[in-house]
PDB file of N, CA and C in Angstrom:
ATOM      1  N   MET A   1      24.323 -18.982  26.296  1.00  0.00           N
ATOM      2  CA  MET A   1      22.933 -18.791  25.949  1.00  0.00           C
ATOM      3  C   MET A   1      22.459 -19.937  25.070  1.00  0.00           C
ATOM      4  N   GLU A   2      21.355 -20.520  25.437  1.00  0.00           N
ATOM      5  CA  GLU A   2      20.776 -21.573  24.618  1.00  0.00           C
ATOM      6  C   GLU A   2      19.533 -21.039  23.954  1.00  0.00           C
ATOM      7  N   GLU A   3      19.337 -21.490  22.738  1.00  0.00           N
ATOM      8  CA  GLU A   3      18.174 -21.058  21.984  1.00  0.00           C
ATOM      9  C   GLU A   3      17.306 -22.275  21.718  1.00  0.00           C
ATOM     10  N   SER A   4      16.010 -22.103  21.785  1.00  0.00           N
ATOM     11  CA  SER A   4      15.115 -23.228  21.562  1.00  0.00           C
ATOM     12  C   SER A   4      15.161 -23.650  20.097  1.00  0.00           C
ATOM     13  N   VAL A   5      14.787 -24.898  19.866  1.00  0.00           N
ATOM     14  CA  VAL A   5      14.759 -25.415  18.497  1.00  0.00           C
ATOM     15  C   VAL A   5      13.789 -24.600  17.655  1.00  0.00           C
ATOM     16  N   GLU A   6      12.663 -24.223  18.235  1.00  0.00           N
ATOM     17  CA  GLU A   6      11.685 -23.427  17.495  1.00  0.00           C
ATOM     18  C   GLU A   6      12.276 -22.075  17.102  1.00  0.00           C
ATOM     19  N   GLY A   7      13.061 -21.486  17.988  1.00  0.00           N
ATOM     20  CA  GLY A   7      13.692 -20.196  17.697  1.00  0.00           C
ATOM     21  C   GLY A   7      14.682 -20.302  16.551  1.00  0.00           C
ATOM     22  N   ILE A   8      15.469 -21.372  16.549  1.00  0.00           N
ATOM     23  CA  ILE A   8      16.439 -21.586  15.476  1.00  0.00           C
ATOM     24  C   ILE A   8      15.716 -21.838  14.162  1.00  0.00           C
ATOM     25  N   ALA A   9      14.706 -22.703  14.183  1.00  0.00           N
ATOM     26  CA  ALA A   9      13.956 -23.016  12.964  1.00  0.00           C
ATOM     27  C   ALA A   9      13.275 -21.767  12.416  1.00  0.00           C
ATOM     28  N   GLY A  10      12.721 -20.946  13.296  1.00  0.00           N
ATOM     29  CA  GLY A  10      12.070 -19.715  12.858  1.00  0.00           C
ATOM     30  C   GLY A  10      13.048 -18.763  12.201  1.00  0.00           C
ATOM     31  N   ALA A  11      14.252 -18.670  12.762  1.00  0.00           N
ATOM     32  CA  ALA A  11      15.280 -17.795  12.182  1.00  0.00           C
ATOM     33  C   ALA A  11      15.695 -18.308  10.812  1.00  0.00           C
ATOM     34  N   ASN A  12      15.879 -19.625  10.677  1.00  0.00           N
ATOM     35  CA  ASN A  12      16.261 -20.198   9.390  1.00  0.00           C
ATOM     36  C   ASN A  12      15.190 -19.972   8.338  1.00  0.00           C
ATOM     37  N   ASN A  13      13.920 -20.127   8.717  1.00  0.00           N
ATOM     38  CA  ASN A  13      12.829 -19.879   7.777  1.00  0.00           C
ATOM     39  C   ASN A  13      12.823 -18.431   7.315  1.00  0.00           C
ATOM     40  N   ASN A  14      13.064 -17.502   8.239  1.00  0.00           N
ATOM     41  CA  ASN A  14      13.102 -16.086   7.868  1.00  0.00           C
ATOM     42  C   ASN A  14      14.256 -15.800   6.917  1.00  0.00           C
ATOM     43  N   GLN A  15      15.398 -16.431   7.149  1.00  0.00           N
ATOM     44  CA  GLN A  15      16.547 -16.238   6.264  1.00  0.00           C
ATOM     45  C   GLN A  15      16.233 -16.761   4.874  1.00  0.00           C
ATOM     46  N   ILE A  16      15.589 -17.915   4.790  1.00  0.00           N
ATOM     47  CA  ILE A  16      15.235 -18.490   3.497  1.00  0.00           C
ATOM     48  C   ILE A  16      14.265 -17.579   2.767  1.00  0.00           C
ATOM     49  N   ILE A  17      13.264 -17.063   3.474  1.00  0.00           N
ATOM     50  CA  ILE A  17      12.295 -16.159   2.863  1.00  0.00           C
ATOM     51  C   ILE A  17      12.991 -14.905   2.358  1.00  0.00           C
ATOM     52  N   ASN A  18      13.922 -14.347   3.150  1.00  0.00           N
ATOM     53  CA  ASN A  18      14.657 -13.153   2.722  1.00  0.00           C
ATOM     54  C   ASN A  18      15.490 -13.431   1.485  1.00  0.00           C
ATOM     55  N   LEU A  19      16.127 -14.593   1.407  1.00  0.00           N
ATOM     56  CA  LEU A  19      16.917 -14.937   0.235  1.00  0.00           C
ATOM     57  C   LEU A  19      16.043 -15.067  -1.002  1.00  0.00           C
ATOM     58  N   MET A  20      14.863 -15.656  -0.840  1.00  0.00           N
ATOM     59  CA  MET A  20      13.961 -15.842  -1.977  1.00  0.00           C
ATOM     60  C   MET A  20      13.400 -14.511  -2.456  1.00  0.00           C
ATOM     61  N   ALA A  21      13.289 -13.540  -1.565  1.00  0.00           N
ATOM     62  CA  ALA A  21      12.702 -12.252  -1.916  1.00  0.00           C
ATOM     63  C   ALA A  21      13.682 -11.323  -2.625  1.00  0.00           C
ATOM     64  N   LYS A  22      14.980 -11.644  -2.601  1.00  0.00           N
ATOM     65  CA  LYS A  22      15.968 -10.778  -3.225  1.00  0.00           C
ATOM     66  C   LYS A  22      15.733 -10.672  -4.725  1.00  0.00           C
ATOM     67  N   GLU A  23      15.966  -9.495  -5.252  1.00  0.00           N
ATOM     68  CA  GLU A  23      15.866  -9.272  -6.690  1.00  0.00           C
ATOM     69  C   GLU A  23      17.010  -9.982  -7.389  1.00  0.00           C
ATOM     70  N   VAL A  24      16.732 -10.569  -8.509  1.00  0.00           N
ATOM     71  CA  VAL A  24      17.759 -11.190  -9.336  1.00  0.00           C
ATOM     72  C   VAL A  24      18.068 -10.228 -10.466  1.00  0.00           C
ATOM     73  N   LYS A  25      19.359  -9.974 -10.675  1.00  0.00           N
ATOM     74  CA  LYS A  25      19.782  -9.046 -11.714  1.00  0.00           C
ATOM     75  C   LYS A  25      19.442  -9.628 -13.085  1.00  0.00           C
ATOM     76  N   LYS A  26      18.851  -8.814 -13.935  1.00  0.00           N
ATOM     77  CA  LYS A  26      18.500  -9.237 -15.284  1.00  0.00           C
ATOM     78  C   LYS A  26      19.535  -8.681 -16.259  1.00  0.00           C
ATOM     79  N   ILE A  27      20.174  -9.565 -17.013  1.00  0.00           N
ATOM     80  CA  ILE A  27      21.194  -9.185 -17.981  1.00  0.00           C
ATOM     81  C   ILE A  27      20.543  -9.142 -19.358  1.00  0.00           C
ATOM     82  N   THR A  28      20.751  -8.051 -20.079  1.00  0.00           N
ATOM     83  CA  THR A  28      20.088  -7.902 -21.376  1.00  0.00           C
ATOM     84  C   THR A  28      21.058  -7.821 -22.551  1.00  0.00           C
ATOM     85  N   GLY A  29      22.347  -7.786 -22.289  1.00  0.00           N
ATOM     86  CA  GLY A  29      23.304  -7.728 -23.392  1.00  0.00           C
ATOM     87  C   GLY A  29      24.733  -7.797 -22.895  1.00  0.00           C
ATOM     88  N   ASP A  30      25.664  -7.825 -23.826  1.00  0.00           N
ATOM     89  CA  ASP A  30      27.101  -7.919 -23.549  1.00  0.00           C
ATOM     90  C   ASP A  30      27.371  -9.059 -22.570  1.00  0.00           C
ATOM     91  N   TRP A  31      27.047 -10.287 -23.028  1.00  0.00           N
ATOM     92  CA  TRP A  31      27.063 -11.467 -22.166  1.00  0.00           C
ATOM     93  C   TRP A  31      28.421 -11.708 -21.514  1.00  0.00           C
ATOM     94  N   THR A  32      29.498 -11.642 -22.306  1.00  0.00           N
ATOM     95  CA  THR A  32      30.827 -11.942 -21.765  1.00  0.00           C
ATOM     96  C   THR A  32      31.202 -10.972 -20.659  1.00  0.00           C
ATOM     97  N   LYS A  33      31.008  -9.688 -20.885  1.00  0.00           N
ATOM     98  CA  LYS A  33      31.337  -8.673 -19.883  1.00  0.00           C
ATOM     99  C   LYS A  33      30.473  -8.857 -18.635  1.00  0.00           C
ATOM    100  N   SER A  34      29.189  -9.093 -18.831  1.00  0.00           N
ATOM    101  CA  SER A  34      28.273  -9.259 -17.700  1.00  0.00           C
ATOM    102  C   SER A  34      28.652 -10.461 -16.849  1.00  0.00           C
ATOM    103  N   ILE A  35      28.986 -11.576 -17.491  1.00  0.00           N
ATOM    104  CA  ILE A  35      29.378 -12.772 -16.744  1.00  0.00           C
ATOM    105  C   ILE A  35      30.695 -12.533 -16.014  1.00  0.00           C
ATOM    106  N   SER A  36      31.635 -11.847 -16.673  1.00  0.00           N
ATOM    107  CA  SER A  36      32.938 -11.605 -16.042  1.00  0.00           C
ATOM    108  C   SER A  36      32.820 -10.695 -14.819  1.00  0.00           C
ATOM    109  N   GLU A  37      31.755  -9.912 -14.733  1.00  0.00           N
ATOM    110  CA  GLU A  37      31.548  -9.007 -13.603  1.00  0.00           C
ATOM    111  C   GLU A  37      30.697  -9.622 -12.489  1.00  0.00           C
ATOM    112  N   MET A  38      30.214 -10.848 -12.688  1.00  0.00           N
ATOM    113  CA  MET A  38      29.405 -11.501 -11.652  1.00  0.00           C
ATOM    114  C   MET A  38      30.263 -11.806 -10.431  1.00  0.00           C
ATOM    115  N   LYS A  39      29.650 -11.694  -9.257  1.00  0.00           N
ATOM    116  CA  LYS A  39      30.319 -12.059  -8.005  1.00  0.00           C
ATOM    117  C   LYS A  39      30.116 -13.554  -7.760  1.00  0.00           C
ATOM    118  N   LEU A  40      30.985 -14.146  -6.963  1.00  0.00           N
ATOM    119  CA  LEU A  40      30.886 -15.553  -6.624  1.00  0.00           C
ATOM    120  C   LEU A  40      29.531 -15.843  -5.978  1.00  0.00           C
ATOM    121  N   ASN A  41      28.860 -16.880  -6.424  1.00  0.00           N
ATOM    122  CA  ASN A  41      27.529 -17.322  -5.967  1.00  0.00           C
ATOM    123  C   ASN A  41      26.397 -16.387  -6.371  1.00  0.00           C
ATOM    124  N   GLU A  42      26.674 -15.394  -7.196  1.00  0.00           N
ATOM    125  CA  GLU A  42      25.616 -14.502  -7.677  1.00  0.00           C
ATOM    126  C   GLU A  42      24.779 -15.221  -8.724  1.00  0.00           C
ATOM    127  N   VAL A  43      23.480 -15.013  -8.665  1.00  0.00           N
ATOM    128  CA  VAL A  43      22.554 -15.584  -9.638  1.00  0.00           C
ATOM    129  C   VAL A  43      21.972 -14.439 -10.455  1.00  0.00           C
ATOM    130  N   VAL A  44      21.999 -14.598 -11.782  1.00  0.00           N
ATOM    131  CA  VAL A  44      21.442 -13.576 -12.672  1.00  0.00           C
ATOM    132  C   VAL A  44      20.516 -14.240 -13.679  1.00  0.00           C
ATOM    133  N   GLU A  45      19.660 -13.422 -14.300  1.00  0.00           N
ATOM    134  CA  GLU A  45      18.739 -13.913 -15.325  1.00  0.00           C
ATOM    135  C   GLU A  45      19.172 -13.426 -16.697  1.00  0.00           C
ATOM    136  N   PHE A  46      19.082 -14.330 -17.659  1.00  0.00           N
ATOM    137  CA  PHE A  46      19.354 -14.019 -19.053  1.00  0.00           C
ATOM    138  C   PHE A  46      18.112 -14.363 -19.868  1.00  0.00           C
ATOM    139  N   PRO A  47      17.941 -13.735 -21.033  1.00  0.00           N
ATOM    140  CA  PRO A  47      16.826 -14.128 -21.905  1.00  0.00           C
ATOM    141  C   PRO A  47      17.097 -15.520 -22.494  1.00  0.00           C
ATOM    142  N   ILE A  48      16.032 -16.306 -22.666  1.00  0.00           N
ATOM    143  CA  ILE A  48      16.179 -17.644 -23.235  1.00  0.00           C
ATOM    144  C   ILE A  48      16.793 -17.579 -24.628  1.00  0.00           C
ATOM    145  N   SER A  49      16.542 -16.516 -25.358  1.00  0.00           N
ATOM    146  CA  SER A  49      17.096 -16.391 -26.712  1.00  0.00           C
ATOM    147  C   SER A  49      18.625 -16.430 -26.713  1.00  0.00           C
ATOM    148  N   ALA A  50      19.260 -16.128 -25.573  1.00  0.00           N
ATOM    149  CA  ALA A  50      20.724 -16.130 -25.477  1.00  0.00           C
ATOM    150  C   ALA A  50      21.264 -17.430 -24.896  1.00  0.00           C
ATOM    151  N   TYR A  51      20.388 -18.372 -24.575  1.00  0.00           N
ATOM    152  CA  TYR A  51      20.794 -19.592 -23.874  1.00  0.00           C
ATOM    153  C   TYR A  51      21.894 -20.359 -24.605  1.00  0.00           C
ATOM    154  N   ASP A  52      21.691 -20.661 -25.886  1.00  0.00           N
ATOM    155  CA  ASP A  52      22.670 -21.472 -26.619  1.00  0.00           C
ATOM    156  C   ASP A  52      24.041 -20.816 -26.645  1.00  0.00           C
ATOM    157  N   GLY A  53      24.082 -19.525 -26.925  1.00  0.00           N
ATOM    158  CA  GLY A  53      25.359 -18.824 -26.980  1.00  0.00           C
ATOM    159  C   GLY A  53      26.052 -18.754 -25.633  1.00  0.00           C
ATOM    160  N   ILE A  54      25.301 -18.490 -24.588  1.00  0.00           N
ATOM    161  CA  ILE A  54      25.888 -18.355 -23.253  1.00  0.00           C
ATOM    162  C   ILE A  54      26.355 -19.704 -22.721  1.00  0.00           C
ATOM    163  N   MET A  55      25.531 -20.713 -22.840  1.00  0.00           N
ATOM    164  CA  MET A  55      25.863 -22.001 -22.237  1.00  0.00           C
ATOM    165  C   MET A  55      26.819 -22.825 -23.091  1.00  0.00           C
ATOM    166  N   SER A  56      27.167 -22.350 -24.266  1.00  0.00           N
ATOM    167  CA  SER A  56      28.170 -23.067 -25.057  1.00  0.00           C
ATOM    168  C   SER A  56      29.403 -22.185 -25.201  1.00  0.00           C
ATOM    169  N   THR A  57      29.451 -21.374 -26.205  1.00  0.00           N
ATOM    170  CA  THR A  57      30.647 -20.595 -26.531  1.00  0.00           C
ATOM    171  C   THR A  57      31.085 -19.653 -25.422  1.00  0.00           C
ATOM    172  N   ILE A  58      30.194 -18.812 -24.933  1.00  0.00           N
ATOM    173  CA  ILE A  58      30.577 -17.761 -23.977  1.00  0.00           C
ATOM    174  C   ILE A  58      31.018 -18.356 -22.641  1.00  0.00           C
ATOM    175  N   ARG A  59      30.339 -19.400 -22.191  1.00  0.00           N
ATOM    176  CA  ARG A  59      30.701 -20.023 -20.921  1.00  0.00           C
ATOM    177  C   ARG A  59      32.145 -20.526 -20.960  1.00  0.00           C
ATOM    178  N   TYR A  60      32.556 -21.129 -22.056  1.00  0.00           N
ATOM    179  CA  TYR A  60      33.933 -21.631 -22.164  1.00  0.00           C
ATOM    180  C   TYR A  60      34.931 -20.495 -22.339  1.00  0.00           C
ATOM    181  N   ARG A  61      34.525 -19.438 -23.011  1.00  0.00           N
ATOM    182  CA  ARG A  61      35.408 -18.275 -23.183  1.00  0.00           C
ATOM    183  C   ARG A  61      35.725 -17.625 -21.842  1.00  0.00           C
ATOM    184  N   VAL A  62      34.714 -17.404 -20.995  1.00  0.00           N
ATOM    185  CA  VAL A  62      34.979 -16.757 -19.700  1.00  0.00           C
ATOM    186  C   VAL A  62      35.736 -17.689 -18.754  1.00  0.00           C
ATOM    187  N   ARG A  63      35.556 -18.996 -18.916  1.00  0.00           N
ATOM    188  CA  ARG A  63      36.337 -19.923 -18.085  1.00  0.00           C
ATOM    189  C   ARG A  63      37.819 -19.836 -18.481  1.00  0.00           C
ATOM    190  N   ARG A  64      38.086 -19.813 -19.784  1.00  0.00           N
ATOM    191  CA  ARG A  64      39.469 -19.768 -20.260  1.00  0.00           C
ATOM    192  C   ARG A  64      40.126 -18.431 -19.940  1.00  0.00           C
ATOM    193  N   ARG A  65      39.429 -17.334 -20.202  1.00  0.00           N
ATOM    194  CA  ARG A  65      40.019 -15.997 -20.015  1.00  0.00           C
ATOM    195  C   ARG A  65      40.083 -15.553 -18.567  1.00  0.00           C
ATOM    196  N   PHE A  66      39.017 -15.800 -17.807  1.00  0.00           N
ATOM    197  CA  PHE A  66      38.899 -15.228 -16.463  1.00  0.00           C
ATOM    198  C   PHE A  66      38.864 -16.270 -15.347  1.00  0.00           C
ATOM    199  N   GLY A  67      38.796 -17.554 -15.687  1.00  0.00           N
ATOM    200  CA  GLY A  67      38.696 -18.598 -14.669  1.00  0.00           C
ATOM    201  C   GLY A  67      37.335 -18.634 -13.994  1.00  0.00           C
ATOM    202  N   ILE A  68      36.318 -18.104 -14.663  1.00  0.00           N
ATOM    203  CA  ILE A  68      34.965 -18.032 -14.106  1.00  0.00           C
ATOM    204  C   ILE A  68      34.151 -19.210 -14.622  1.00  0.00           C
ATOM    205  N   ILE A  69      33.495 -19.904 -13.701  1.00  0.00           N
ATOM    206  CA  ILE A  69      32.634 -21.020 -14.077  1.00  0.00           C
ATOM    207  C   ILE A  69      31.205 -20.673 -13.677  1.00  0.00           C
ATOM    208  N   ILE A  70      30.292 -20.820 -14.636  1.00  0.00           N
ATOM    209  CA  ILE A  70      28.875 -20.602 -14.348  1.00  0.00           C
ATOM    210  C   ILE A  70      28.120 -21.889 -14.653  1.00  0.00           C
ATOM    211  N   LYS A  71      26.979 -22.042 -13.997  1.00  0.00           N
ATOM    212  CA  LYS A  71      26.101 -23.166 -14.302  1.00  0.00           C
ATOM    213  C   LYS A  71      24.664 -22.667 -14.287  1.00  0.00           C
ATOM    214  N   ARG A  72      23.818 -23.371 -15.003  1.00  0.00           N
ATOM    215  CA  ARG A  72      22.406 -22.996 -15.015  1.00  0.00           C
ATOM    216  C   ARG A  72      21.808 -23.293 -13.657  1.00  0.00           C
ATOM    217  N   GLU A  73      20.965 -22.408 -13.204  1.00  0.00           N
ATOM    218  CA  GLU A  73      20.299 -22.522 -11.910  1.00  0.00           C
ATOM    219  C   GLU A  73      18.816 -22.762 -12.185  1.00  0.00           C
ATOM    220  N   GLY A  74      18.336 -23.960 -11.896  1.00  0.00           N
ATOM    221  CA  GLY A  74      16.923 -24.259 -12.114  1.00  0.00           C
ATOM    222  C   GLY A  74      16.626 -24.571 -13.578  1.00  0.00           C
ATOM    223  N   GLU A  75      15.354 -24.505 -13.893  1.00  0.00           N
ATOM    224  CA  GLU A  75      14.883 -24.828 -15.237  1.00  0.00           C
ATOM    225  C   GLU A  75      14.706 -23.566 -16.079  1.00  0.00           C
ATOM    226  N   LEU A  76      14.574 -23.759 -17.380  1.00  0.00           N
ATOM    227  CA  LEU A  76      14.255 -22.629 -18.260  1.00  0.00           C
ATOM    228  C   LEU A  76      12.828 -22.187 -17.957  1.00  0.00           C
ATOM    229  N   ASP A  77      12.619 -20.885 -17.821  1.00  0.00           N
ATOM    230  CA  ASP A  77      11.289 -20.347 -17.529  1.00  0.00           C
ATOM    231  C   ASP A  77      10.711 -19.795 -18.828  1.00  0.00           C
ATOM    232  N   TYR A  78       9.986 -20.657 -19.544  1.00  0.00           N
ATOM    233  CA  TYR A  78       9.431 -20.258 -20.836  1.00  0.00           C
ATOM    234  C   TYR A  78       8.334 -19.213 -20.686  1.00  0.00           C
ATOM    235  N   LYS A  79       7.666 -19.227 -19.541  1.00  0.00           N
ATOM    236  CA  LYS A  79       6.598 -18.259 -19.300  1.00  0.00           C
ATOM    237  C   LYS A  79       7.160 -16.828 -19.265  1.00  0.00           C
ATOM    238  N   LYS A  80       8.276 -16.649 -18.554  1.00  0.00           N
ATOM    239  CA  LYS A  80       8.919 -15.333 -18.450  1.00  0.00           C
ATOM    240  C   LYS A  80       9.935 -15.107 -19.564  1.00  0.00           C
ATOM    241  N   GLY A  81      10.343 -16.193 -20.238  1.00  0.00           N
ATOM    242  CA  GLY A  81      11.331 -16.083 -21.297  1.00  0.00           C
ATOM    243  C   GLY A  81      12.745 -15.890 -20.804  1.00  0.00           C
ATOM    244  N   VAL A  82      13.062 -16.460 -19.622  1.00  0.00           N
ATOM    245  CA  VAL A  82      14.393 -16.267 -19.022  1.00  0.00           C
ATOM    246  C   VAL A  82      14.914 -17.591 -18.473  1.00  0.00           C
ATOM    247  N   PHE A  83      16.226 -17.593 -18.225  1.00  0.00           N
ATOM    248  CA  PHE A  83      16.836 -18.679 -17.457  1.00  0.00           C
ATOM    249  C   PHE A  83      17.830 -18.032 -16.508  1.00  0.00           C
ATOM    250  N   ARG A  84      18.153 -18.741 -15.440  1.00  0.00           N
ATOM    251  CA  ARG A  84      19.074 -18.225 -14.437  1.00  0.00           C
ATOM    252  C   ARG A  84      20.402 -18.969 -14.494  1.00  0.00           C
ATOM    253  N   ALA A  85      21.456 -18.229 -14.233  1.00  0.00           N
ATOM    254  CA  ALA A  85      22.798 -18.813 -14.158  1.00  0.00           C
ATOM    255  C   ALA A  85      23.460 -18.316 -12.890  1.00  0.00           C
ATOM    256  N   LYS A  86      24.304 -19.179 -12.323  1.00  0.00           N
ATOM    257  CA  LYS A  86      24.995 -18.866 -11.075  1.00  0.00           C
ATOM    258  C   LYS A  86      26.494 -19.006 -11.281  1.00  0.00           C
ATOM    259  N   ARG A  87      27.251 -18.054 -10.762  1.00  0.00           N
ATOM    260  CA  ARG A  87      28.709 -18.159 -10.806  1.00  0.00           C
ATOM    261  C   ARG A  87      29.141 -19.058  -9.650  1.00  0.00           C
ATOM    262  N   ILE A  88      29.856 -20.138  -9.981  1.00  0.00           N
ATOM    263  CA  ILE A  88      30.265 -21.074  -8.934  1.00  0.00           C
ATOM    264  C   ILE A  88      31.774 -21.050  -8.673  1.00  0.00           C
ATOM    265  N   SER A  89      32.537 -20.348  -9.499  1.00  0.00           N
ATOM    266  CA  SER A  89      33.963 -20.168  -9.213  1.00  0.00           C
ATOM    267  C   SER A  89      34.516 -18.975  -9.969  1.00  0.00           C
TER     268      SER A  89
END
């Protein structure tokens, strides 16, 4: 079965739209536990007020203890007061 280029492109666009529409989990406390429970490639939102602690001390603690690596996803959203992080390993 062959599929037209338009059909493939349309399917890819729908997949992208579905991915963008997914809810992002909002974490409000217990940063270390929450990060350790993240699934691979999961993106979550944290309050900006926790940024320094999460991206410095806590990020290295979970890497050492659990082998989990997270990175910031996108820019800080000052309007909403959140930033996103993604588990990459």
